[in-house]
Amino acid sequence: MAKFTKLASLLAGAALAVSGTFAAASENKAEYTLTISSWAPPTHGINAKMWPKFTQMVEEATGGRVTTELKLGMAPPPAQPDLIMDGAADLSIIFHGYQPGRFTTTKLIELPGYEGSAEAASVAYWRAYDKYLKKADEHRGLKVVAMFTHGPAQLHSNRKVTSLAEMNGMKVRVPGGVASDVADKLGMTGIKVPAPKVYETLASNAADGVVMPMESRKGFKLTEVAKNVYEMPGGLYRGSFAFIMNQDSFDALPEDIRKALDEKVFGEPLSREIGKIWDEIDEIGREATLAAGDNAIIEASAEDQAKFAQIAEEVRKKVIAEVAAKGVDAQAAYEMIKADMAAYK
């Protein structure tokens, strides 16, 4: 059920800004307010940068007639698809790996071996989704407004890891999806823990490490509990996300607003902007690591890079077969992503 109000709120940043949104609403006098559910920590880049950028795009596209209101902690990450489908909020970001068995085609963007930024990958991902992957209808009941990926994921641990061989037997938090496939190939025991729980998981020694993108060094304070990074060029995997909207909420908007959002915000424009922001927060995470003083980044040796390329090929064949079984031309979609990323400027 759509939940629009006559009071608009301006999303200015992270949770600290939420309390000021109602004052801004009286000035903007937006006709419709879309409620956003966010599961990330208050100061994480998702809240501090992605939602504000989305709100800016929405307000500009609709001439200020539509704005947003951010709500934190409405449900844990795995519950977000059902939260939005039930209409408890209008919009959210979901991580596909948290839904084992529910999403398969989304694993295609998670494959190791792609070369390029999160921006390039997110644009290529949306194009492949729009042309091939959406035929599997894995997001049925929801309106998909963007598809995107974070940057290359690396191993973060308190114990210094200098080779792939040292990963064998480690107990590591993985988010599901291709990350789990890679962990199995490396001999790691995977523990599935949502991102907001990684700090306490490491602090309590419930895991030896985590595999996440570099932004997590700052976004989830890994510089404090995982002081070493084993970095594989191109990453061990990339994570798949969707930006989703309650279909009834969208349908309840006037036709001209729906048209403006579909043409100017949703799809490739939003996917590009979110990917661009992920590149930015990845760099912030790297800078935080270098500035910490007691953190280290160990780059994979040429020998390990060659070994991992073989592992990546095995995982790639497995995932392409899984996606093809969903009735999707998986090989064509993979080749499209790879080519679009290589050509991206």
C-alpha atoms as a PDB file:
ATOM      1  CA  MET A   1       0.000   0.000   0.000  1.00  0.00           C
ATOM      2  CA  ALA A   2       1.458   3.352  -0.948  1.00  0.00           C
ATOM      3  CA  LYS A   3       2.469   5.584   1.907  1.00  0.00           C
ATOM      4  CA  PHE A   4       2.713   9.106   0.567  1.00  0.00           C
ATOM      5  CA  THR A   5       2.393  12.153   2.810  1.00  0.00           C
ATOM      6  CA  LYS A   6       1.937  15.853   2.149  1.00  0.00           C
ATOM      7  CA  LEU A   7       4.922  16.616   4.340  1.00  0.00           C
ATOM      8  CA  ALA A   8       8.222  16.219   2.501  1.00  0.00           C
ATOM      9  CA  SER A   9      11.556  15.559   4.111  1.00  0.00           C
ATOM     10  CA  LEU A  10      14.981  16.330   2.773  1.00  0.00           C
ATOM     11  CA  LEU A  11      17.565  13.588   3.102  1.00  0.00           C
ATOM     12  CA  ALA A  12      20.736  15.545   3.786  1.00  0.00           C
ATOM     13  CA  GLY A  13      23.050  12.769   4.882  1.00  0.00           C
ATOM     14  CA  ALA A  14      23.354  10.019   7.428  1.00  0.00           C
ATOM     15  CA  ALA A  15      21.125   9.375  10.410  1.00  0.00           C
ATOM     16  CA  LEU A  16      22.212  12.591  12.109  1.00  0.00           C
ATOM     17  CA  ALA A  17      20.417  14.474   9.374  1.00  0.00           C
ATOM     18  CA  VAL A  18      17.132  12.618   9.709  1.00  0.00           C
ATOM     19  CA  SER A  19      15.941  14.755  12.614  1.00  0.00           C
ATOM     20  CA  GLY A  20      16.254  17.843  10.454  1.00  0.00           C
ATOM     21  CA  THR A  21      14.208  16.554   7.550  1.00  0.00           C
ATOM     22  CA  PHE A  22      10.847  17.736   8.836  1.00  0.00           C
ATOM     23  CA  ALA A  23      11.991  21.343   9.070  1.00  0.00           C
ATOM     24  CA  ALA A  24      13.173  21.133   5.485  1.00  0.00           C
ATOM     25  CA  ALA A  25       9.840  19.649   4.436  1.00  0.00           C
ATOM     26  CA  SER A  26       7.879  22.743   5.266  1.00  0.00           C
ATOM     27  CA  GLU A  27      10.130  24.756   2.973  1.00  0.00           C
ATOM     28  CA  ASN A  28      10.146  22.327   0.037  1.00  0.00           C
ATOM     29  CA  LYS A  29       6.419  21.519   0.152  1.00  0.00           C
ATOM     30  CA  ALA A  30       6.881  18.331  -1.870  1.00  0.00           C
ATOM     31  CA  GLU A  31       3.657  16.576  -2.772  1.00  0.00           C
ATOM     32  CA  TYR A  32       4.949  13.045  -2.148  1.00  0.00           C
ATOM     33  CA  THR A  33       7.452  11.538   0.283  1.00  0.00           C
ATOM     34  CA  LEU A  34       8.956   8.111  -0.367  1.00  0.00           C
ATOM     35  CA  THR A  35      10.050   6.217   2.754  1.00  0.00           C
ATOM     36  CA  ILE A  36      13.489   4.608   2.559  1.00  0.00           C
ATOM     37  CA  SER A  37      14.471   1.631   4.707  1.00  0.00           C
ATOM     38  CA  SER A  38      18.221   1.423   5.300  1.00  0.00           C
ATOM     39  CA  TRP A  39      20.016  -1.385   7.121  1.00  0.00           C
ATOM     40  CA  ALA A  40      23.511   0.129   7.007  1.00  0.00           C
ATOM     41  CA  PRO A  41      25.147   1.838  10.021  1.00  0.00           C
ATOM     42  CA  PRO A  42      24.255   5.555  10.330  1.00  0.00           C
ATOM     43  CA  THR A  43      27.538   6.930   8.951  1.00  0.00           C
ATOM     44  CA  HIS A  44      28.093   4.289   6.257  1.00  0.00           C
ATOM     45  CA  GLY A  45      28.454   5.551   2.695  1.00  0.00           C
ATOM     46  CA  ILE A  46      25.059   4.077   1.799  1.00  0.00           C
ATOM     47  CA  ASN A  47      23.422   6.554   4.172  1.00  0.00           C
ATOM     48  CA  ALA A  48      25.937   9.371   3.947  1.00  0.00           C
ATOM     49  CA  LYS A  49      26.264   9.465   0.155  1.00  0.00           C
ATOM     50  CA  MET A  50      24.008   7.081  -1.806  1.00  0.00           C
ATOM     51  CA  TRP A  51      20.617   8.016  -0.355  1.00  0.00           C
ATOM     52  CA  PRO A  52      21.333  11.767  -0.555  1.00  0.00           C
ATOM     53  CA  LYS A  53      22.361  11.359  -4.213  1.00  0.00           C
ATOM     54  CA  PHE A  54      19.206   9.399  -4.958  1.00  0.00           C
ATOM     55  CA  THR A  55      17.074  12.040  -3.245  1.00  0.00           C
ATOM     56  CA  GLN A  56      18.770  14.796  -5.214  1.00  0.00           C
ATOM     57  CA  MET A  57      18.105  12.958  -8.492  1.00  0.00           C
ATOM     58  CA  VAL A  58      14.450  12.368  -7.573  1.00  0.00           C
ATOM     59  CA  GLU A  59      13.843  15.975  -6.544  1.00  0.00           C
ATOM     60  CA  GLU A  60      15.513  17.339  -9.679  1.00  0.00           C
ATOM     61  CA  ALA A  61      13.655  14.956 -12.005  1.00  0.00           C
ATOM     62  CA  THR A  62      10.269  15.794 -10.470  1.00  0.00           C
ATOM     63  CA  GLY A  63      10.776  19.516  -9.942  1.00  0.00           C
ATOM     64  CA  GLY A  64      10.671  19.054  -6.168  1.00  0.00           C
ATOM     65  CA  ARG A  65       7.294  17.294  -6.177  1.00  0.00           C
ATOM     66  CA  VAL A  66       8.820  14.099  -4.727  1.00  0.00           C
ATOM     67  CA  THR A  67      11.330  13.746  -1.888  1.00  0.00           C
ATOM     68  CA  THR A  68      12.326  11.029   0.597  1.00  0.00           C
ATOM     69  CA  GLU A  69      12.443  10.185   4.283  1.00  0.00           C
ATOM     70  CA  LEU A  70      15.136   7.874   5.641  1.00  0.00           C
ATOM     71  CA  LYS A  71      14.374   5.307   8.343  1.00  0.00           C
ATOM     72  CA  LEU A  72      17.098   3.184   9.920  1.00  0.00           C
ATOM     73  CA  GLY A  73      16.843  -0.254  11.480  1.00  0.00           C
ATOM     74  CA  MET A  74      13.380  -1.204  10.256  1.00  0.00           C
ATOM     75  CA  ALA A  75      14.544  -4.762   9.531  1.00  0.00           C
ATOM     76  CA  PRO A  76      17.796  -6.717   9.133  1.00  0.00           C
ATOM     77  CA  PRO A  77      19.379  -6.912   5.648  1.00  0.00           C
ATOM     78  CA  PRO A  78      17.915 -10.308   4.638  1.00  0.00           C
ATOM     79  CA  ALA A  79      14.371  -9.102   5.420  1.00  0.00           C
ATOM     80  CA  GLN A  80      14.458  -6.057   3.141  1.00  0.00           C
ATOM     81  CA  PRO A  81      12.805  -7.627   0.033  1.00  0.00           C
ATOM     82  CA  ASP A  82       9.782  -8.760   2.037  1.00  0.00           C
ATOM     83  CA  LEU A  83       9.664  -5.472   3.974  1.00  0.00           C
ATOM     84  CA  ILE A  84       9.337  -3.553   0.700  1.00  0.00           C
ATOM     85  CA  MET A  85       6.947  -6.051  -0.857  1.00  0.00           C
ATOM     86  CA  ASP A  86       4.687  -5.773   2.194  1.00  0.00           C
ATOM     87  CA  GLY A  87       4.673  -1.975   1.897  1.00  0.00           C
ATOM     88  CA  ALA A  88       6.294  -1.178   5.252  1.00  0.00           C
ATOM     89  CA  ALA A  89       8.603   1.165   3.310  1.00  0.00           C
ATOM     90  CA  ASP A  90       8.761   2.321  -0.295  1.00  0.00           C
ATOM     91  CA  LEU A  91      12.436   1.794  -1.140  1.00  0.00           C
ATOM     92  CA  SER A  92      15.492  -0.144  -0.016  1.00  0.00           C
ATOM     93  CA  ILE A  93      18.788  -1.645  -1.138  1.00  0.00           C
ATOM     94  CA  ILE A  94      19.132  -5.424  -1.033  1.00  0.00           C
ATOM     95  CA  PHE A  95      22.199  -7.645  -1.178  1.00  0.00           C
ATOM     96  CA  HIS A  96      21.357 -10.741  -3.202  1.00  0.00           C
ATOM     97  CA  GLY A  97      23.793 -13.035  -1.384  1.00  0.00           C
ATOM     98  CA  TYR A  98      21.690 -12.773   1.781  1.00  0.00           C
ATOM     99  CA  GLN A  99      18.885 -14.648  -0.009  1.00  0.00           C
ATOM    100  CA  PRO A 100      20.230 -18.169  -0.737  1.00  0.00           C
ATOM    101  CA  GLY A 101      18.116 -19.920  -3.333  1.00  0.00           C
ATOM    102  CA  ARG A 102      16.057 -16.828  -4.089  1.00  0.00           C
ATOM    103  CA  PHE A 103      18.467 -15.182  -6.560  1.00  0.00           C
ATOM    104  CA  THR A 104      20.751 -16.974  -9.015  1.00  0.00           C
ATOM    105  CA  THR A 105      21.161 -14.811 -12.127  1.00  0.00           C
ATOM    106  CA  THR A 106      22.546 -12.008  -9.952  1.00  0.00           C
ATOM    107  CA  LYS A 107      25.670 -14.115  -9.292  1.00  0.00           C
ATOM    108  CA  LEU A 108      26.862 -13.260 -12.802  1.00  0.00           C
ATOM    109  CA  ILE A 109      28.150  -9.814 -11.780  1.00  0.00           C
ATOM    110  CA  GLU A 110      29.828 -11.257  -8.681  1.00  0.00           C
ATOM    111  CA  LEU A 111      32.334 -13.333 -10.657  1.00  0.00           C
ATOM    112  CA  PRO A 112      36.023 -12.678 -10.072  1.00  0.00           C
ATOM    113  CA  GLY A 113      38.079 -11.660 -13.088  1.00  0.00           C
ATOM    114  CA  TYR A 114      36.198  -8.595 -14.328  1.00  0.00           C
ATOM    115  CA  GLU A 115      38.430  -5.589 -14.862  1.00  0.00           C
ATOM    116  CA  GLY A 116      37.106  -2.121 -14.096  1.00  0.00           C
ATOM    117  CA  SER A 117      35.594   0.153 -11.490  1.00  0.00           C
ATOM    118  CA  ALA A 118      32.355  -0.301  -9.556  1.00  0.00           C
ATOM    119  CA  GLU A 119      30.896   2.424 -11.766  1.00  0.00           C
ATOM    120  CA  ALA A 120      31.765   0.520 -14.944  1.00  0.00           C
ATOM    121  CA  ALA A 121      30.527  -2.753 -13.441  1.00  0.00           C
ATOM    122  CA  SER A 122      27.227  -1.235 -12.261  1.00  0.00           C
ATOM    123  CA  VAL A 123      26.430   0.258 -15.668  1.00  0.00           C
ATOM    124  CA  ALA A 124      27.322  -3.011 -17.397  1.00  0.00           C
ATOM    125  CA  TYR A 125      25.251  -4.911 -14.841  1.00  0.00           C
ATOM    126  CA  TRP A 126      22.144  -2.830 -15.443  1.00  0.00           C
ATOM    127  CA  ARG A 127      22.465  -3.283 -19.211  1.00  0.00           C
ATOM    128  CA  ALA A 128      22.855  -7.059 -18.882  1.00  0.00           C
ATOM    129  CA  TYR A 129      19.973  -7.215 -16.416  1.00  0.00           C
ATOM    130  CA  ASP A 130      17.716  -5.194 -18.720  1.00  0.00           C
ATOM    131  CA  LYS A 131      18.572  -7.273 -21.786  1.00  0.00           C
ATOM    132  CA  TYR A 132      18.950 -10.770 -20.330  1.00  0.00           C
ATOM    133  CA  LEU A 133      18.693 -11.342 -16.591  1.00  0.00           C
ATOM    134  CA  LYS A 134      15.289  -9.838 -15.833  1.00  0.00           C
ATOM    135  CA  LYS A 135      13.708 -12.582 -17.956  1.00  0.00           C
ATOM    136  CA  ALA A 136      14.218 -14.911 -14.987  1.00  0.00           C
ATOM    137  CA  ASP A 137      11.818 -12.677 -12.986  1.00  0.00           C
ATOM    138  CA  GLU A 138      13.687 -13.235  -9.717  1.00  0.00           C
ATOM    139  CA  HIS A 139      12.486  -9.884  -8.315  1.00  0.00           C
ATOM    140  CA  ARG A 140       8.819 -10.585  -9.009  1.00  0.00           C
ATOM    141  CA  GLY A 141       6.488  -8.437  -6.962  1.00  0.00           C
ATOM    142  CA  LEU A 142       9.048  -5.633  -6.739  1.00  0.00           C
ATOM    143  CA  LYS A 143      10.030  -2.756  -9.006  1.00  0.00           C
ATOM    144  CA  VAL A 144      13.773  -2.857  -9.678  1.00  0.00           C
ATOM    145  CA  VAL A 145      15.059   0.699 -10.038  1.00  0.00           C
ATOM    146  CA  ALA A 146      18.818   0.003 -10.204  1.00  0.00           C
ATOM    147  CA  MET A 147      21.324  -2.849 -10.204  1.00  0.00           C
ATOM    148  CA  PHE A 148      24.830  -2.296  -8.943  1.00  0.00           C
ATOM    149  CA  THR A 149      27.926  -3.825  -7.405  1.00  0.00           C
ATOM    150  CA  HIS A 150      30.498  -2.824  -4.843  1.00  0.00           C
ATOM    151  CA  GLY A 151      34.193  -2.751  -5.664  1.00  0.00           C
ATOM    152  CA  PRO A 152      36.527  -5.775  -5.591  1.00  0.00           C
ATOM    153  CA  ALA A 153      36.251  -7.681  -2.302  1.00  0.00           C
ATOM    154  CA  GLN A 154      39.384  -8.678  -0.381  1.00  0.00           C
ATOM    155  CA  LEU A 155      40.239 -10.746   2.696  1.00  0.00           C
ATOM    156  CA  HIS A 156      40.410  -8.738   5.940  1.00  0.00           C
ATOM    157  CA  SER A 157      41.883 -10.419   9.031  1.00  0.00           C
ATOM    158  CA  ASN A 158      43.730  -9.653  12.229  1.00  0.00           C
ATOM    159  CA  ARG A 159      46.281 -12.384  11.466  1.00  0.00           C
ATOM    160  CA  LYS A 160      48.566 -11.450   8.589  1.00  0.00           C
ATOM    161  CA  VAL A 161      47.837 -13.585   5.525  1.00  0.00           C
ATOM    162  CA  THR A 162      50.462 -13.543   2.776  1.00  0.00           C
ATOM    163  CA  SER A 163      49.332 -16.350   0.446  1.00  0.00           C
ATOM    164  CA  LEU A 164      46.290 -18.248  -0.795  1.00  0.00           C
ATOM    165  CA  ALA A 165      47.616 -21.365   0.917  1.00  0.00           C
ATOM    166  CA  GLU A 166      47.323 -19.666   4.311  1.00  0.00           C
ATOM    167  CA  MET A 167      43.583 -19.220   3.768  1.00  0.00           C
ATOM    168  CA  ASN A 168      43.005 -22.961   3.872  1.00  0.00           C
ATOM    169  CA  GLY A 169      41.179 -23.808   7.107  1.00  0.00           C
ATOM    170  CA  MET A 170      40.358 -20.210   8.027  1.00  0.00           C
ATOM    171  CA  LYS A 171      36.889 -19.494   9.409  1.00  0.00           C
ATOM    172  CA  VAL A 172      35.735 -16.504   7.372  1.00  0.00           C
ATOM    173  CA  ARG A 173      32.561 -14.449   7.172  1.00  0.00           C
ATOM    174  CA  VAL A 174      31.163 -14.614   3.654  1.00  0.00           C
ATOM    175  CA  PRO A 175      27.977 -12.912   2.397  1.00  0.00           C
ATOM    176  CA  GLY A 176      26.747 -15.770   0.205  1.00  0.00           C
ATOM    177  CA  GLY A 177      26.609 -15.926  -3.571  1.00  0.00           C
ATOM    178  CA  VAL A 178      29.890 -16.218  -5.448  1.00  0.00           C
ATOM    179  CA  ALA A 179      31.804 -15.303  -2.285  1.00  0.00           C
ATOM    180  CA  SER A 180      30.763 -18.684  -0.862  1.00  0.00           C
ATOM    181  CA  ASP A 181      31.845 -20.481  -4.050  1.00  0.00           C
ATOM    182  CA  VAL A 182      35.272 -18.831  -3.883  1.00  0.00           C
ATOM    183  CA  ALA A 183      35.654 -19.543  -0.153  1.00  0.00           C
ATOM    184  CA  ASP A 184      34.966 -23.231  -0.792  1.00  0.00           C
ATOM    185  CA  LYS A 185      37.629 -23.366  -3.502  1.00  0.00           C
ATOM    186  CA  LEU A 186      40.155 -21.747  -1.150  1.00  0.00           C
ATOM    187  CA  GLY A 187      39.436 -24.214   1.640  1.00  0.00           C
ATOM    188  CA  MET A 188      37.859 -21.656   3.945  1.00  0.00           C
ATOM    189  CA  THR A 189      34.928 -22.386   6.227  1.00  0.00           C
ATOM    190  CA  GLY A 190      32.273 -19.818   5.421  1.00  0.00           C
ATOM    191  CA  ILE A 191      30.153 -18.131   8.079  1.00  0.00           C
ATOM    192  CA  LYS A 192      27.172 -16.139   6.840  1.00  0.00           C
ATOM    193  CA  VAL A 193      26.806 -12.957   8.863  1.00  0.00           C
ATOM    194  CA  PRO A 194      25.089  -9.743   7.634  1.00  0.00           C
ATOM    195  CA  ALA A 195      27.474  -6.837   7.087  1.00  0.00           C
ATOM    196  CA  PRO A 196      26.328  -4.811  10.127  1.00  0.00           C
ATOM    197  CA  LYS A 197      27.425  -7.725  12.356  1.00  0.00           C
ATOM    198  CA  VAL A 198      30.998  -8.131  11.070  1.00  0.00           C
ATOM    199  CA  TYR A 199      32.615  -5.916  13.700  1.00  0.00           C
ATOM    200  CA  GLU A 200      31.284  -7.881  16.649  1.00  0.00           C
ATOM    201  CA  THR A 201      31.925 -11.177  14.811  1.00  0.00           C
ATOM    202  CA  LEU A 202      35.611 -10.336  14.493  1.00  0.00           C
ATOM    203  CA  ALA A 203      35.907  -8.653  17.893  1.00  0.00           C
ATOM    204  CA  SER A 204      34.556 -11.800  19.574  1.00  0.00           C
ATOM    205  CA  ASN A 205      36.886 -14.070  17.529  1.00  0.00           C
ATOM    206  CA  ALA A 206      33.878 -15.901  16.098  1.00  0.00           C
ATOM    207  CA  ALA A 207      35.635 -15.652  12.726  1.00  0.00           C
ATOM    208  CA  ASP A 208      39.257 -15.387  11.581  1.00  0.00           C
ATOM    209  CA  GLY A 209      38.426 -12.855   8.898  1.00  0.00           C
ATOM    210  CA  VAL A 210      35.870 -11.426   6.482  1.00  0.00           C
ATOM    211  CA  VAL A 211      35.718 -10.940   2.721  1.00  0.00           C
ATOM    212  CA  MET A 212      34.386  -7.481   1.888  1.00  0.00           C
ATOM    213  CA  PRO A 213      35.241  -4.455  -0.290  1.00  0.00           C
ATOM    214  CA  MET A 214      37.742  -1.841   0.868  1.00  0.00           C
ATOM    215  CA  GLU A 215      34.993   0.610   1.909  1.00  0.00           C
ATOM    216  CA  SER A 216      34.351  -1.675   4.887  1.00  0.00           C
ATOM    217  CA  ARG A 217      37.663  -0.620   6.386  1.00  0.00           C
ATOM    218  CA  LYS A 218      35.891   2.605   7.376  1.00  0.00           C
ATOM    219  CA  GLY A 219      32.188   1.818   6.903  1.00  0.00           C
ATOM    220  CA  PHE A 220      32.297  -1.131   9.319  1.00  0.00           C
ATOM    221  CA  LYS A 221      35.418  -0.067  11.271  1.00  0.00           C
ATOM    222  CA  LEU A 222      37.529  -3.017  10.149  1.00  0.00           C
ATOM    223  CA  THR A 223      40.689  -1.001  10.757  1.00  0.00           C
ATOM    224  CA  GLU A 224      40.098  -1.797  14.452  1.00  0.00           C
ATOM    225  CA  VAL A 225      39.362  -5.535  14.309  1.00  0.00           C
ATOM    226  CA  ALA A 226      40.937  -6.745  11.028  1.00  0.00           C
ATOM    227  CA  LYS A 227      44.231  -4.927  10.692  1.00  0.00           C
ATOM    228  CA  ASN A 228      45.520  -6.856   7.678  1.00  0.00           C
ATOM    229  CA  VAL A 229      44.226  -6.948   4.115  1.00  0.00           C
ATOM    230  CA  TYR A 230      45.189  -9.608   1.578  1.00  0.00           C
ATOM    231  CA  GLU A 231      44.548  -7.905  -1.746  1.00  0.00           C
ATOM    232  CA  MET A 232      43.971  -9.806  -4.965  1.00  0.00           C
ATOM    233  CA  PRO A 233      43.972  -7.508  -8.036  1.00  0.00           C
ATOM    234  CA  GLY A 234      40.391  -7.480  -9.340  1.00  0.00           C
ATOM    235  CA  GLY A 235      39.136  -8.902  -6.052  1.00  0.00           C
ATOM    236  CA  LEU A 236      37.995 -12.305  -4.813  1.00  0.00           C
ATOM    237  CA  TYR A 237      34.449 -11.422  -5.929  1.00  0.00           C
ATOM    238  CA  ARG A 238      32.079  -8.444  -6.352  1.00  0.00           C
ATOM    239  CA  GLY A 239      28.801  -8.183  -4.464  1.00  0.00           C
ATOM    240  CA  SER A 240      25.449  -7.900  -6.225  1.00  0.00           C
ATOM    241  CA  PHE A 241      22.852  -5.350  -5.069  1.00  0.00           C
ATOM    242  CA  ALA A 242      19.452  -4.206  -6.283  1.00  0.00           C
ATOM    243  CA  PHE A 243      17.712  -0.941  -5.516  1.00  0.00           C
ATOM    244  CA  ILE A 244      14.063  -1.953  -5.113  1.00  0.00           C
ATOM    245  CA  MET A 245      10.716  -0.163  -4.798  1.00  0.00           C
ATOM    246  CA  ASN A 246       7.256  -1.204  -3.725  1.00  0.00           C
ATOM    247  CA  GLN A 247       5.270  -1.543  -6.958  1.00  0.00           C
ATOM    248  CA  ASP A 248       2.067  -0.108  -5.477  1.00  0.00           C
ATOM    249  CA  SER A 249       3.969   2.939  -4.233  1.00  0.00           C
ATOM    250  CA  PHE A 250       5.254   3.590  -7.734  1.00  0.00           C
ATOM    251  CA  ASP A 251       1.889   2.952  -9.387  1.00  0.00           C
ATOM    252  CA  ALA A 252       0.192   5.429  -7.016  1.00  0.00           C
ATOM    253  CA  LEU A 253       2.324   8.308  -8.296  1.00  0.00           C
ATOM    254  CA  PRO A 254       0.904  10.509 -11.091  1.00  0.00           C
ATOM    255  CA  GLU A 255       1.760   9.393 -14.611  1.00  0.00           C
ATOM    256  CA  ASP A 256       4.023  12.367 -15.331  1.00  0.00           C
ATOM    257  CA  ILE A 257       6.075  11.704 -12.190  1.00  0.00           C
ATOM    258  CA  ARG A 258       6.383   8.005 -12.998  1.00  0.00           C
ATOM    259  CA  LYS A 259       7.573   8.914 -16.476  1.00  0.00           C
ATOM    260  CA  ALA A 260      10.155  11.383 -15.141  1.00  0.00           C
ATOM    261  CA  LEU A 261      11.541   8.861 -12.652  1.00  0.00           C
ATOM    262  CA  ASP A 262      11.731   6.047 -15.213  1.00  0.00           C
ATOM    263  CA  GLU A 263      13.450   8.244 -17.794  1.00  0.00           C
ATOM    264  CA  LYS A 264      15.760  10.384 -15.648  1.00  0.00           C
ATOM    265  CA  VAL A 265      16.528   8.420 -12.485  1.00  0.00           C
ATOM    266  CA  PHE A 266      15.741   4.711 -12.549  1.00  0.00           C
ATOM    267  CA  GLY A 267      17.833   2.215 -14.463  1.00  0.00           C
ATOM    268  CA  GLU A 268      21.224   3.110 -15.873  1.00  0.00           C
ATOM    269  CA  PRO A 269      21.449   6.690 -14.479  1.00  0.00           C
ATOM    270  CA  LEU A 270      20.970   5.567 -10.868  1.00  0.00           C
ATOM    271  CA  SER A 271      23.100   2.433 -11.319  1.00  0.00           C
ATOM    272  CA  ARG A 272      25.941   4.606 -12.620  1.00  0.00           C
ATOM    273  CA  GLU A 273      25.752   7.108  -9.763  1.00  0.00           C
ATOM    274  CA  ILE A 274      25.686   4.432  -7.063  1.00  0.00           C
ATOM    275  CA  GLY A 275      28.632   2.621  -8.646  1.00  0.00           C
ATOM    276  CA  LYS A 276      30.526   5.897  -8.774  1.00  0.00           C
ATOM    277  CA  ILE A 277      29.875   6.495  -5.081  1.00  0.00           C
ATOM    278  CA  TRP A 278      31.060   2.974  -4.257  1.00  0.00           C
ATOM    279  CA  ASP A 279      34.375   3.721  -5.968  1.00  0.00           C
ATOM    280  CA  GLU A 280      34.632   6.835  -3.828  1.00  0.00           C
ATOM    281  CA  ILE A 281      33.962   5.078  -0.527  1.00  0.00           C
ATOM    282  CA  ASP A 282      36.330   2.232  -1.474  1.00  0.00           C
ATOM    283  CA  GLU A 283      39.077   4.833  -1.788  1.00  0.00           C
ATOM    284  CA  ILE A 284      38.075   6.339   1.562  1.00  0.00           C
ATOM    285  CA  GLY A 285      38.428   2.871   3.103  1.00  0.00           C
ATOM    286  CA  ARG A 286      41.875   2.436   1.595  1.00  0.00           C
ATOM    287  CA  GLU A 287      42.968   5.827   2.886  1.00  0.00           C
ATOM    288  CA  ALA A 288      41.700   4.954   6.380  1.00  0.00           C
ATOM    289  CA  THR A 289      43.768   1.760   6.280  1.00  0.00           C
ATOM    290  CA  LEU A 290      46.944   3.555   5.275  1.00  0.00           C
ATOM    291  CA  ALA A 291      46.365   6.254   7.885  1.00  0.00           C
ATOM    292  CA  ALA A 292      45.712   3.809  10.746  1.00  0.00           C
ATOM    293  CA  GLY A 293      49.399   3.244  11.417  1.00  0.00           C
ATOM    294  CA  ASP A 294      49.023  -0.384  12.537  1.00  0.00           C
ATOM    295  CA  ASN A 295      47.211  -1.719   9.423  1.00  0.00           C
ATOM    296  CA  ALA A 296      48.814  -3.405   6.412  1.00  0.00           C
ATOM    297  CA  ILE A 297      47.817  -4.245   2.837  1.00  0.00           C
ATOM    298  CA  ILE A 298      49.556  -7.319   1.412  1.00  0.00           C
ATOM    299  CA  GLU A 299      49.249  -7.697  -2.352  1.00  0.00           C
ATOM    300  CA  ALA A 300      48.944 -11.188  -3.796  1.00  0.00           C
ATOM    301  CA  SER A 301      52.111 -12.517  -5.396  1.00  0.00           C
ATOM    302  CA  ALA A 302      52.293 -13.194  -9.135  1.00  0.00           C
ATOM    303  CA  GLU A 303      52.195 -16.921  -8.345  1.00  0.00           C
ATOM    304  CA  ASP A 304      49.023 -16.546  -6.265  1.00  0.00           C
ATOM    305  CA  GLN A 305      47.424 -14.370  -8.927  1.00  0.00           C
ATOM    306  CA  ALA A 306      47.992 -17.159 -11.470  1.00  0.00           C
ATOM    307  CA  LYS A 307      46.557 -19.752  -9.073  1.00  0.00           C
ATOM    308  CA  PHE A 308      43.528 -17.619  -8.384  1.00  0.00           C
ATOM    309  CA  ALA A 309      42.909 -17.098 -12.108  1.00  0.00           C
ATOM    310  CA  GLN A 310      42.427 -20.865 -12.383  1.00  0.00           C
ATOM    311  CA  ILE A 311      40.032 -20.864  -9.432  1.00  0.00           C
ATOM    312  CA  ALA A 312      38.125 -17.942 -10.955  1.00  0.00           C
ATOM    313  CA  GLU A 313      37.716 -19.872 -14.215  1.00  0.00           C
ATOM    314  CA  GLU A 314      36.265 -22.873 -12.363  1.00  0.00           C
ATOM    315  CA  VAL A 315      33.808 -20.668 -10.466  1.00  0.00           C
ATOM    316  CA  ARG A 316      32.874 -18.836 -13.657  1.00  0.00           C
ATOM    317  CA  LYS A 317      31.943 -22.072 -15.466  1.00  0.00           C
ATOM    318  CA  LYS A 318      29.861 -23.222 -12.484  1.00  0.00           C
ATOM    319  CA  VAL A 319      27.946 -19.935 -12.201  1.00  0.00           C
ATOM    320  CA  ILE A 320      27.310 -19.572 -15.935  1.00  0.00           C
ATOM    321  CA  ALA A 321      25.788 -23.069 -15.903  1.00  0.00           C
ATOM    322  CA  GLU A 322      23.594 -22.162 -12.902  1.00  0.00           C
ATOM    323  CA  VAL A 323      22.363 -18.978 -14.572  1.00  0.00           C
ATOM    324  CA  ALA A 324      21.722 -20.755 -17.878  1.00  0.00           C
ATOM    325  CA  ALA A 325      19.518 -23.244 -16.013  1.00  0.00           C
ATOM    326  CA  LYS A 326      17.211 -20.299 -15.215  1.00  0.00           C
ATOM    327  CA  GLY A 327      16.409 -19.925 -18.914  1.00  0.00           C
ATOM    328  CA  VAL A 328      18.808 -17.010 -19.424  1.00  0.00           C
ATOM    329  CA  ASP A 329      21.520 -16.745 -22.102  1.00  0.00           C
ATOM    330  CA  ALA A 330      24.183 -16.640 -19.412  1.00  0.00           C
ATOM    331  CA  GLN A 331      27.189 -16.750 -21.710  1.00  0.00           C
ATOM    332  CA  ALA A 332      25.909 -13.808 -23.760  1.00  0.00           C
ATOM    333  CA  ALA A 333      25.151 -11.838 -20.593  1.00  0.00           C
ATOM    334  CA  TYR A 334      28.638 -12.562 -19.218  1.00  0.00           C
ATOM    335  CA  GLU A 335      30.306 -11.529 -22.467  1.00  0.00           C
ATOM    336  CA  MET A 336      28.208  -8.349 -22.546  1.00  0.00           C
ATOM    337  CA  ILE A 337      29.251  -7.379 -19.011  1.00  0.00           C
ATOM    338  CA  LYS A 338      32.904  -8.084 -19.747  1.00  0.00           C
ATOM    339  CA  ALA A 339      32.863  -6.112 -23.023  1.00  0.00           C
ATOM    340  CA  ASP A 340      30.914  -3.146 -21.602  1.00  0.00           C
ATOM    341  CA  MET A 341      33.278  -2.872 -18.646  1.00  0.00           C
ATOM    342  CA  ALA A 342      36.329  -2.992 -20.902  1.00  0.00           C
ATOM    343  CA  ALA A 343      34.900  -0.268 -23.127  1.00  0.00           C
ATOM    344  CA  TYR A 344      33.595   1.926 -20.304  1.00  0.00           C
ATOM    345  CA  LYS A 345      34.911   5.477 -20.095  1.00  0.00           C
END
